[in-house]
Amino acid sequence: MSTVKSLFESKIVWAIILLLVFYVTFVFSEKYAQILEVKSYIFDLEQEIKGLEEDNRVLAEKKELLNTDSYVEKIAREELDLVKPNEILYKGIKN
């Protein structure tokens, strides 16, 4: 029992144990930092995915709107200045 007790009282053994603890702490803290970095990257990607899904939803709504006759007529009248047969287009002059 005295050899075991004297072994733990040795400064070299305590130095080795202390170095081992520091090494393990360093390795785990480095891995933890990498895990946090990956989680941050995943969060950014998830936010980008949500934004793209919203863009897709808006574009799908616009696509459906383009398939309606009333919207096509509205665009033709407002942007292309088209009129139906027997209609007269009046435009105001800006001063």
Protein backbone atom coordinates (compact mmCIF):
# COMPACT_ATOMS: atom_id res chain seq x y z
CA MET A 1 0.00 0.00 0.00
CA SER A 2 2.88 2.35 0.66
CA THR A 3 4.12 1.94 -2.94
CA VAL A 4 0.73 2.96 -4.29
CA LYS A 5 0.61 5.89 -1.88
CA SER A 6 4.12 6.98 -2.74
CA LEU A 7 3.32 6.63 -6.46
CA PHE A 8 0.49 9.18 -6.20
CA GLU A 9 2.64 11.48 -4.12
CA SER A 10 5.27 11.58 -6.86
CA LYS A 11 5.45 14.90 -8.72
CA ILE A 12 6.08 13.20 -12.05
CA VAL A 13 2.87 11.18 -11.81
CA TRP A 14 0.88 14.32 -10.96
CA ALA A 15 2.51 16.16 -13.85
CA ILE A 16 1.57 13.34 -16.25
CA ILE A 17 -1.99 13.28 -14.93
CA LEU A 18 -2.22 17.05 -15.26
CA LEU A 19 -0.88 16.95 -18.82
CA LEU A 20 -3.34 14.20 -19.68
CA VAL A 21 -6.23 16.26 -18.30
CA PHE A 22 -5.11 19.32 -20.31
CA TYR A 23 -4.76 17.23 -23.46
CA VAL A 24 -8.21 15.70 -23.09
CA THR A 25 -9.70 19.14 -22.37
CA PHE A 26 -7.98 20.62 -25.43
CA VAL A 27 -9.14 17.83 -27.73
CA PHE A 28 -12.74 17.98 -26.52
CA SER A 29 -12.88 21.78 -26.64
CA GLU A 30 -11.55 21.75 -30.21
CA LYS A 31 -14.12 19.14 -31.23
CA TYR A 32 -16.86 21.11 -29.45
CA ALA A 33 -15.85 24.24 -31.38
CA GLN A 34 -16.10 22.27 -34.62
CA ILE A 35 -19.52 20.98 -33.62
CA LEU A 36 -20.71 24.53 -32.93
CA GLU A 37 -19.36 25.67 -36.30
CA VAL A 38 -21.19 22.86 -38.10
CA LYS A 39 -24.41 23.63 -36.21
CA SER A 40 -24.12 27.28 -37.23
CA TYR A 41 -23.58 26.24 -40.86
CA ILE A 42 -26.62 23.94 -40.70
CA PHE A 43 -28.73 26.75 -39.24
CA ASP A 44 -27.66 29.10 -42.06
CA LEU A 45 -28.53 26.45 -44.65
CA GLU A 46 -31.93 25.85 -43.06
CA GLN A 47 -32.64 29.60 -43.19
CA GLU A 48 -31.62 29.67 -46.85
CA ILE A 49 -33.89 26.68 -47.54
CA LYS A 50 -36.83 28.46 -45.89
CA GLY A 51 -36.19 31.55 -48.00
CA LEU A 52 -35.99 29.51 -51.19
CA GLU A 53 -39.17 27.63 -50.31
CA GLU A 54 -40.95 30.97 -49.82
CA ASP A 55 -39.61 32.17 -53.20
CA ASN A 56 -40.87 28.96 -54.80
CA ARG A 57 -44.29 29.47 -53.24
CA VAL A 58 -44.51 33.04 -54.55
CA LEU A 59 -43.39 31.96 -58.01
CA ALA A 60 -45.95 29.12 -58.04
CA GLU A 61 -48.68 31.63 -57.17
CA LYS A 62 -47.52 33.91 -59.99
CA LYS A 63 -47.48 30.96 -62.38
CA GLU A 64 -51.05 30.08 -61.45
CA LEU A 65 -52.04 33.72 -61.87
CA LEU A 66 -50.52 33.79 -65.35
CA ASN A 67 -52.81 30.93 -66.35
CA THR A 68 -55.95 33.01 -65.72
CA ASP A 69 -57.54 34.93 -68.58
CA SER A 70 -58.35 37.96 -66.45
CA TYR A 71 -54.73 38.46 -65.42
CA VAL A 72 -53.46 38.01 -68.98
CA GLU A 73 -56.02 40.61 -70.15
CA LYS A 74 -54.97 42.99 -67.38
CA ILE A 75 -51.30 42.71 -68.34
CA ALA A 76 -52.12 43.11 -72.03
CA ARG A 77 -54.13 46.27 -71.36
CA GLU A 78 -51.79 47.88 -68.80
CA GLU A 79 -48.33 47.00 -70.09
CA LEU A 80 -48.87 46.41 -73.80
CA ASP A 81 -51.67 48.98 -74.33
CA LEU A 82 -53.77 46.45 -76.21
CA VAL A 83 -57.50 46.91 -76.64
CA LYS A 84 -60.41 44.70 -77.62
CA PRO A 85 -61.97 45.06 -81.04
CA ASN A 86 -64.22 48.13 -81.31
CA GLU A 87 -62.57 49.80 -78.29
CA ILE A 88 -60.71 53.09 -78.39
CA LEU A 89 -57.67 53.69 -76.20
CA TYR A 90 -57.47 57.09 -74.53
CA LYS A 91 -54.26 58.20 -72.93
CA GLY A 92 -53.76 61.29 -70.90
CA ILE A 93 -50.84 63.64 -71.47
CA LYS A 94 -48.66 64.47 -68.51
CA ASN A 95 -47.66 68.14 -68.21
